Amino acid sequence: MSMDPSLKVRNALVRHRNVLSRAERVQKLHDEERWAEGDSVLGLPKVAHRKSGAGKKAKAEAAQEKAAAAAAAPAAPA
């Protein structure tokens, strides 16, 4: 039975997934030069796939630097 389109979640495939498909694992291994054409796709080695949270920290640090710069700047004379 199919799901009504109004009940589907947008960007459902954009979120982080812990399990990669075989094609995704082969592509990642190929990028890391751990797999070559002609190698068997059965019994592939494990592939680390972790979500990176580095972007959030960088944004927070940038906001703190802006606030510090604004506080340190002398007030304009009236």
PDB file of N, CA and C in Angstrom:
ATOM      1  N   MET A   1       0.841  -1.173   0.000  1.00  0.00           N
ATOM      2  CA  MET A   1       0.000   0.000   0.000  1.00  0.00           C
ATOM      3  C   MET A   1       0.890   1.241   0.000  1.00  0.00           C
ATOM      4  N   SER A   2       0.507   2.222  -0.773  1.00  0.00           N
ATOM      5  CA  SER A   2       1.328   3.424  -0.867  1.00  0.00           C
ATOM      6  C   SER A   2       0.906   4.457   0.176  1.00  0.00           C
ATOM      7  N   MET A   3       1.797   5.387   0.454  1.00  0.00           N
ATOM      8  CA  MET A   3       1.547   6.431   1.440  1.00  0.00           C
ATOM      9  C   MET A   3       1.030   7.682   0.727  1.00  0.00           C
ATOM     10  N   ASP A   4       0.083   8.348   1.354  1.00  0.00           N
ATOM     11  CA  ASP A   4      -0.442   9.585   0.791  1.00  0.00           C
ATOM     12  C   ASP A   4       0.672  10.628   0.740  1.00  0.00           C
ATOM     13  N   PRO A   5       0.787  11.387  -0.365  1.00  0.00           N
ATOM     14  CA  PRO A   5       1.874  12.371  -0.487  1.00  0.00           C
ATOM     15  C   PRO A   5       1.889  13.420   0.620  1.00  0.00           C
ATOM     16  N   SER A   6       0.746  13.730   1.208  1.00  0.00           N
ATOM     17  CA  SER A   6       0.705  14.739   2.260  1.00  0.00           C
ATOM     18  C   SER A   6       1.349  14.243   3.555  1.00  0.00           C
ATOM     19  N   LEU A   7       1.498  12.923   3.700  1.00  0.00           N
ATOM     20  CA  LEU A   7       2.073  12.365   4.923  1.00  0.00           C
ATOM     21  C   LEU A   7       3.578  12.139   4.811  1.00  0.00           C
ATOM     22  N   LYS A   8       4.138  12.270   3.625  1.00  0.00           N
ATOM     23  CA  LYS A   8       5.560  12.041   3.444  1.00  0.00           C
ATOM     24  C   LYS A   8       6.357  13.207   4.016  1.00  0.00           C
ATOM     25  N   VAL A   9       7.496  12.891   4.582  1.00  0.00           N
ATOM     26  CA  VAL A   9       8.364  13.893   5.178  1.00  0.00           C
ATOM     27  C   VAL A   9       9.270  14.454   4.088  1.00  0.00           C
ATOM     28  N   ARG A  10       9.353  15.764   4.012  1.00  0.00           N
ATOM     29  CA  ARG A  10      10.275  16.383   3.060  1.00  0.00           C
ATOM     30  C   ARG A  10      11.704  16.129   3.492  1.00  0.00           C
ATOM     31  N   ASN A  11      12.569  16.031   2.536  1.00  0.00           N
ATOM     32  CA  ASN A  11      14.006  15.825   2.780  1.00  0.00           C
ATOM     33  C   ASN A  11      14.274  14.566   3.602  1.00  0.00           C
ATOM     34  N   ALA A  12      13.469  13.534   3.388  1.00  0.00           N
ATOM     35  CA  ALA A  12      13.627  12.313   4.165  1.00  0.00           C
ATOM     36  C   ALA A  12      14.968  11.646   3.888  1.00  0.00           C
ATOM     37  N   LEU A  13      15.485  11.775   2.674  1.00  0.00           N
ATOM     38  CA  LEU A  13      16.742  11.125   2.343  1.00  0.00           C
ATOM     39  C   LEU A  13      17.938  12.033   2.561  1.00  0.00           C
ATOM     40  N   VAL A  14      17.718  13.252   2.986  1.00  0.00           N
ATOM     41  CA  VAL A  14      18.812  14.190   3.206  1.00  0.00           C
ATOM     42  C   VAL A  14      19.447  13.964   4.571  1.00  0.00           C
ATOM     43  N   ARG A  15      18.691  13.460   5.504  1.00  0.00           N
ATOM     44  CA  ARG A  15      19.215  13.289   6.858  1.00  0.00           C
ATOM     45  C   ARG A  15      20.332  12.247   6.887  1.00  0.00           C
ATOM     46  N   HIS A  16      21.094  12.250   7.963  1.00  0.00           N
ATOM     47  CA  HIS A  16      22.224  11.337   8.122  1.00  0.00           C
ATOM     48  C   HIS A  16      21.724   9.914   8.285  1.00  0.00           C
ATOM     49  N   ARG A  17      22.329   9.004   7.523  1.00  0.00           N
ATOM     50  CA  ARG A  17      21.995   7.593   7.632  1.00  0.00           C
ATOM     51  C   ARG A  17      23.227   6.841   8.114  1.00  0.00           C
ATOM     52  N   ASN A  18      23.044   5.907   9.029  1.00  0.00           N
ATOM     53  CA  ASN A  18      24.161   5.135   9.552  1.00  0.00           C
ATOM     54  C   ASN A  18      24.571   4.013   8.614  1.00  0.00           C
ATOM     55  N   VAL A  19      23.634   3.517   7.810  1.00  0.00           N
ATOM     56  CA  VAL A  19      23.900   2.384   6.942  1.00  0.00           C
ATOM     57  C   VAL A  19      23.979   2.865   5.503  1.00  0.00           C
ATOM     58  N   LEU A  20      25.056   2.509   4.813  1.00  0.00           N
ATOM     59  CA  LEU A  20      25.227   2.876   3.417  1.00  0.00           C
ATOM     60  C   LEU A  20      24.840   1.705   2.530  1.00  0.00           C
ATOM     61  N   SER A  21      24.345   1.996   1.342  1.00  0.00           N
ATOM     62  CA  SER A  21      24.059   0.940   0.384  1.00  0.00           C
ATOM     63  C   SER A  21      25.381   0.410  -0.160  1.00  0.00           C
ATOM     64  N   ARG A  22      25.330  -0.726  -0.833  1.00  0.00           N
ATOM     65  CA  ARG A  22      26.550  -1.312  -1.365  1.00  0.00           C
ATOM     66  C   ARG A  22      27.213  -0.365  -2.363  1.00  0.00           C
ATOM     67  N   ALA A  23      26.409   0.273  -3.208  1.00  0.00           N
ATOM     68  CA  ALA A  23      26.960   1.201  -4.207  1.00  0.00           C
ATOM     69  C   ALA A  23      27.652   2.381  -3.522  1.00  0.00           C
ATOM     70  N   GLU A  24      27.061   2.895  -2.432  1.00  0.00           N
ATOM     71  CA  GLU A  24      27.675   4.007  -1.695  1.00  0.00           C
ATOM     72  C   GLU A  24      28.982   3.568  -1.035  1.00  0.00           C
ATOM     73  N   ARG A  25      29.008   2.330  -0.518  1.00  0.00           N
ATOM     74  CA  ARG A  25      30.231   1.824   0.102  1.00  0.00           C
ATOM     75  C   ARG A  25      31.334   1.655  -0.931  1.00  0.00           C
ATOM     76  N   VAL A  26      30.994   1.113  -2.107  1.00  0.00           N
ATOM     77  CA  VAL A  26      31.982   0.946  -3.168  1.00  0.00           C
ATOM     78  C   VAL A  26      32.514   2.310  -3.601  1.00  0.00           C
ATOM     79  N   GLN A  27      31.621   3.301  -3.730  1.00  0.00           N
ATOM     80  CA  GLN A  27      32.055   4.635  -4.141  1.00  0.00           C
ATOM     81  C   GLN A  27      32.998   5.244  -3.108  1.00  0.00           C
ATOM     82  N   LYS A  28      32.666   5.090  -1.833  1.00  0.00           N
ATOM     83  CA  LYS A  28      33.522   5.639  -0.771  1.00  0.00           C
ATOM     84  C   LYS A  28      34.880   4.938  -0.744  1.00  0.00           C
ATOM     85  N   LEU A  29      34.881   3.609  -0.915  1.00  0.00           N
ATOM     86  CA  LEU A  29      36.138   2.873  -0.956  1.00  0.00           C
ATOM     87  C   LEU A  29      36.952   3.270  -2.184  1.00  0.00           C
ATOM     88  N   HIS A  30      36.290   3.486  -3.299  1.00  0.00           N
ATOM     89  CA  HIS A  30      36.988   3.905  -4.520  1.00  0.00           C
ATOM     90  C   HIS A  30      37.624   5.282  -4.326  1.00  0.00           C
ATOM     91  N   ASP A  31      36.905   6.198  -3.664  1.00  0.00           N
ATOM     92  CA  ASP A  31      37.442   7.534  -3.384  1.00  0.00           C
ATOM     93  C   ASP A  31      38.668   7.466  -2.474  1.00  0.00           C
ATOM     94  N   GLU A  32      38.663   6.512  -1.537  1.00  0.00           N
ATOM     95  CA  GLU A  32      39.790   6.341  -0.611  1.00  0.00           C
ATOM     96  C   GLU A  32      40.883   5.450  -1.209  1.00  0.00           C
ATOM     97  N   GLU A  33      40.698   5.019  -2.464  1.00  0.00           N
ATOM     98  CA  GLU A  33      41.632   4.148  -3.166  1.00  0.00           C
ATOM     99  C   GLU A  33      41.851   2.834  -2.432  1.00  0.00           C
ATOM    100  N   ARG A  34      40.788   2.299  -1.845  1.00  0.00           N
ATOM    101  CA  ARG A  34      40.834   1.005  -1.174  1.00  0.00           C
ATOM    102  C   ARG A  34      40.109  -0.060  -1.991  1.00  0.00           C
ATOM    103  N   TRP A  35      39.567   0.312  -3.140  1.00  0.00           N
ATOM    104  CA  TRP A  35      38.841  -0.608  -4.006  1.00  0.00           C
ATOM    105  C   TRP A  35      39.174  -0.281  -5.445  1.00  0.00           C
ATOM    106  N   ALA A  36      39.414  -1.307  -6.245  1.00  0.00           N
ATOM    107  CA  ALA A  36      39.753  -1.103  -7.651  1.00  0.00           C
ATOM    108  C   ALA A  36      38.740  -1.827  -8.525  1.00  0.00           C
ATOM    109  N   GLU A  37      38.627  -1.401  -9.777  1.00  0.00           N
ATOM    110  CA  GLU A  37      37.728  -2.063 -10.720  1.00  0.00           C
ATOM    111  C   GLU A  37      38.106  -3.537 -10.813  1.00  0.00           C
ATOM    112  N   GLY A  38      37.111  -4.384 -10.815  1.00  0.00           N
ATOM    113  CA  GLY A  38      37.359  -5.812 -10.913  1.00  0.00           C
ATOM    114  C   GLY A  38      37.345  -6.511  -9.563  1.00  0.00           C
ATOM    115  N   ASP A  39      37.471  -5.774  -8.474  1.00  0.00           N
ATOM    116  CA  ASP A  39      37.385  -6.380  -7.150  1.00  0.00           C
ATOM    117  C   ASP A  39      35.945  -6.833  -6.896  1.00  0.00           C
ATOM    118  N   SER A  40      35.792  -7.825  -6.052  1.00  0.00           N
ATOM    119  CA  SER A  40      34.470  -8.339  -5.736  1.00  0.00           C
ATOM    120  C   SER A  40      33.693  -7.328  -4.893  1.00  0.00           C
ATOM    121  N   VAL A  41      32.399  -7.222  -5.160  1.00  0.00           N
ATOM    122  CA  VAL A  41      31.555  -6.332  -4.360  1.00  0.00           C
ATOM    123  C   VAL A  41      30.984  -7.068  -3.158  1.00  0.00           C
ATOM    124  N   LEU A  42      31.299  -8.340  -3.048  1.00  0.00           N
ATOM    125  CA  LEU A  42      30.857  -9.128  -1.902  1.00  0.00           C
ATOM    126  C   LEU A  42      31.955  -9.126  -0.851  1.00  0.00           C
ATOM    127  N   GLY A  43      31.576  -9.021   0.397  1.00  0.00           N
ATOM    128  CA  GLY A  43      32.550  -9.027   1.478  1.00  0.00           C
ATOM    129  C   GLY A  43      33.376  -7.754   1.536  1.00  0.00           C
ATOM    130  N   LEU A  44      32.731  -6.627   1.303  1.00  0.00           N
ATOM    131  CA  LEU A  44      33.442  -5.344   1.334  1.00  0.00           C
ATOM    132  C   LEU A  44      33.896  -5.024   2.756  1.00  0.00           C
ATOM    133  N   PRO A  45      35.020  -4.324   2.905  1.00  0.00           N
ATOM    134  CA  PRO A  45      35.440  -3.917   4.250  1.00  0.00           C
ATOM    135  C   PRO A  45      34.503  -2.844   4.805  1.00  0.00           C
ATOM    136  N   LYS A  46      34.575  -2.663   6.093  1.00  0.00           N
ATOM    137  CA  LYS A  46      33.736  -1.651   6.736  1.00  0.00           C
ATOM    138  C   LYS A  46      34.154  -0.255   6.294  1.00  0.00           C
ATOM    139  N   VAL A  47      33.183   0.640   6.253  1.00  0.00           N
ATOM    140  CA  VAL A  47      33.428   2.017   5.837  1.00  0.00           C
ATOM    141  C   VAL A  47      32.913   2.933   6.931  1.00  0.00           C
ATOM    142  N   ALA A  48      33.785   3.784   7.450  1.00  0.00           N
ATOM    143  CA  ALA A  48      33.376   4.740   8.479  1.00  0.00           C
ATOM    144  C   ALA A  48      32.536   5.824   7.828  1.00  0.00           C
ATOM    145  N   HIS A  49      31.392   6.074   8.400  1.00  0.00           N
ATOM    146  CA  HIS A  49      30.480   7.096   7.867  1.00  0.00           C
ATOM    147  C   HIS A  49      29.892   7.821   9.062  1.00  0.00           C
ATOM    148  N   ARG A  50      30.494   8.933   9.404  1.00  0.00           N
ATOM    149  CA  ARG A  50      30.059   9.653  10.599  1.00  0.00           C
ATOM    150  C   ARG A  50      29.558  11.033  10.232  1.00  0.00           C
ATOM    151  N   LYS A  51      28.613  11.504  11.005  1.00  0.00           N
ATOM    152  CA  LYS A  51      28.059  12.829  10.794  1.00  0.00           C
ATOM    153  C   LYS A  51      29.030  13.857  11.363  1.00  0.00           C
ATOM    154  N   SER A  52      29.292  14.875  10.596  1.00  0.00           N
ATOM    155  CA  SER A  52      30.212  15.918  11.032  1.00  0.00           C
ATOM    156  C   SER A  52      29.418  17.082  11.619  1.00  0.00           C
ATOM    157  N   GLY A  53      29.812  17.532  12.785  1.00  0.00           N
ATOM    158  CA  GLY A  53      29.153  18.656  13.423  1.00  0.00           C
ATOM    159  C   GLY A  53      30.034  19.882  13.458  1.00  0.00           C
ATOM    160  N   ALA A  54      31.027  19.941  12.597  1.00  0.00           N
ATOM    161  CA  ALA A  54      32.009  21.022  12.618  1.00  0.00           C
ATOM    162  C   ALA A  54      31.398  22.357  12.229  1.00  0.00           C
ATOM    163  N   GLY A  55      30.407  22.365  11.371  1.00  0.00           N
ATOM    164  CA  GLY A  55      29.831  23.611  10.894  1.00  0.00           C
ATOM    165  C   GLY A  55      29.157  24.409  11.993  1.00  0.00           C
ATOM    166  N   LYS A  56      28.496  23.741  12.897  1.00  0.00           N
ATOM    167  CA  LYS A  56      27.792  24.427  13.976  1.00  0.00           C
ATOM    168  C   LYS A  56      28.777  25.143  14.895  1.00  0.00           C
ATOM    169  N   LYS A  57      29.885  24.489  15.199  1.00  0.00           N
ATOM    170  CA  LYS A  57      30.864  25.081  16.101  1.00  0.00           C
ATOM    171  C   LYS A  57      31.501  26.309  15.454  1.00  0.00           C
ATOM    172  N   ALA A  58      31.788  26.242  14.184  1.00  0.00           N
ATOM    173  CA  ALA A  58      32.409  27.362  13.487  1.00  0.00           C
ATOM    174  C   ALA A  58      31.473  28.572  13.472  1.00  0.00           C
ATOM    175  N   LYS A  59      30.182  28.331  13.271  1.00  0.00           N
ATOM    176  CA  LYS A  59      29.218  29.429  13.272  1.00  0.00           C
ATOM    177  C   LYS A  59      29.128  30.068  14.654  1.00  0.00           C
ATOM    178  N   ALA A  60      29.144  29.248  15.689  1.00  0.00           N
ATOM    179  CA  ALA A  60      29.059  29.767  17.049  1.00  0.00           C
ATOM    180  C   ALA A  60      30.298  30.603  17.381  1.00  0.00           C
ATOM    181  N   GLU A  61      31.473  30.131  16.963  1.00  0.00           N
ATOM    182  CA  GLU A  61      32.698  30.886  17.222  1.00  0.00           C
ATOM    183  C   GLU A  61      32.694  32.207  16.456  1.00  0.00           C
ATOM    184  N   ALA A  62      32.187  32.199  15.230  1.00  0.00           N
ATOM    185  CA  ALA A  62      32.123  33.432  14.438  1.00  0.00           C
ATOM    186  C   ALA A  62      31.189  34.445  15.108  1.00  0.00           C
ATOM    187  N   ALA A  63      30.084  33.967  15.652  1.00  0.00           N
ATOM    188  CA  ALA A  63      29.146  34.856  16.326  1.00  0.00           C
ATOM    189  C   ALA A  63      29.789  35.452  17.585  1.00  0.00           C
ATOM    190  N   GLN A  64      30.552  34.651  18.323  1.00  0.00           N
ATOM    191  CA  GLN A  64      31.230  35.149  19.520  1.00  0.00           C
ATOM    192  C   GLN A  64      32.289  36.189  19.154  1.00  0.00           C
ATOM    193  N   GLU A  65      33.005  35.961  18.057  1.00  0.00           N
ATOM    194  CA  GLU A  65      34.016  36.932  17.628  1.00  0.00           C
ATOM    195  C   GLU A  65      33.377  38.253  17.229  1.00  0.00           C
ATOM    196  N   LYS A  66      32.238  38.198  16.556  1.00  0.00           N
ATOM    197  CA  LYS A  66      31.523  39.421  16.179  1.00  0.00           C
ATOM    198  C   LYS A  66      31.094  40.190  17.418  1.00  0.00           C
ATOM    199  N   ALA A  67      30.571  39.463  18.410  1.00  0.00           N
ATOM    200  CA  ALA A  67      30.109  40.112  19.635  1.00  0.00           C
ATOM    201  C   ALA A  67      31.289  40.736  20.382  1.00  0.00           C
ATOM    202  N   ALA A  68      32.409  40.026  20.405  1.00  0.00           N
ATOM    203  CA  ALA A  68      33.585  40.558  21.090  1.00  0.00           C
ATOM    204  C   ALA A  68      34.127  41.799  20.372  1.00  0.00           C
ATOM    205  N   ALA A  69      34.091  41.766  19.039  1.00  0.00           N
ATOM    206  CA  ALA A  69      34.575  42.906  18.266  1.00  0.00           C
ATOM    207  C   ALA A  69      33.655  44.116  18.468  1.00  0.00           C
ATOM    208  N   ALA A  70      32.363  43.890  18.541  1.00  0.00           N
ATOM    209  CA  ALA A  70      31.410  44.971  18.739  1.00  0.00           C
ATOM    210  C   ALA A  70      31.569  45.578  20.136  1.00  0.00           C
ATOM    211  N   ALA A  71      31.846  44.733  21.127  1.00  0.00           N
ATOM    212  CA  ALA A  71      32.005  45.228  22.496  1.00  0.00           C
ATOM    213  C   ALA A  71      33.327  45.987  22.644  1.00  0.00           C
ATOM    214  N   ALA A  72      34.355  45.577  21.910  1.00  0.00           N
ATOM    215  CA  ALA A  72      35.661  46.187  22.033  1.00  0.00           C
ATOM    216  C   ALA A  72      35.763  47.491  21.233  1.00  0.00           C
ATOM    217  N   ALA A  73      34.917  47.666  20.240  1.00  0.00           N
ATOM    218  CA  ALA A  73      34.978  48.849  19.410  1.00  0.00           C
ATOM    219  C   ALA A  73      34.547  50.068  20.229  1.00  0.00           C
ATOM    220  N   PRO A  74      35.274  51.175  20.126  1.00  0.00           N
ATOM    221  CA  PRO A  74      34.893  52.358  20.900  1.00  0.00           C
ATOM    222  C   PRO A  74      33.589  52.953  20.368  1.00  0.00           C
ATOM    223  N   ALA A  75      32.826  53.520  21.270  1.00  0.00           N
ATOM    224  CA  ALA A  75      31.555  54.139  20.877  1.00  0.00           C
ATOM    225  C   ALA A  75      31.841  55.409  20.103  1.00  0.00           C
ATOM    226  N   ALA A  76      31.019  55.705  19.126  1.00  0.00           N
ATOM    227  CA  ALA A  76      31.195  56.900  18.307  1.00  0.00           C
ATOM    228  C   ALA A  76      30.918  58.145  19.147  1.00  0.00           C
ATOM    229  N   PRO A  77      31.788  59.175  19.045  1.00  0.00           N
ATOM    230  CA  PRO A  77      31.550  60.385  19.842  1.00  0.00           C
ATOM    231  C   PRO A  77      30.269  61.097  19.382  1.00  0.00           C
ATOM    232  N   ALA A  78      29.538  61.635  20.331  1.00  0.00           N
ATOM    233  CA  ALA A  78      28.268  62.289  20.015  1.00  0.00           C
ATOM    234  C   ALA A  78      28.424  63.745  19.697  1.00  0.00           C
TER     235      ALA A  78
END
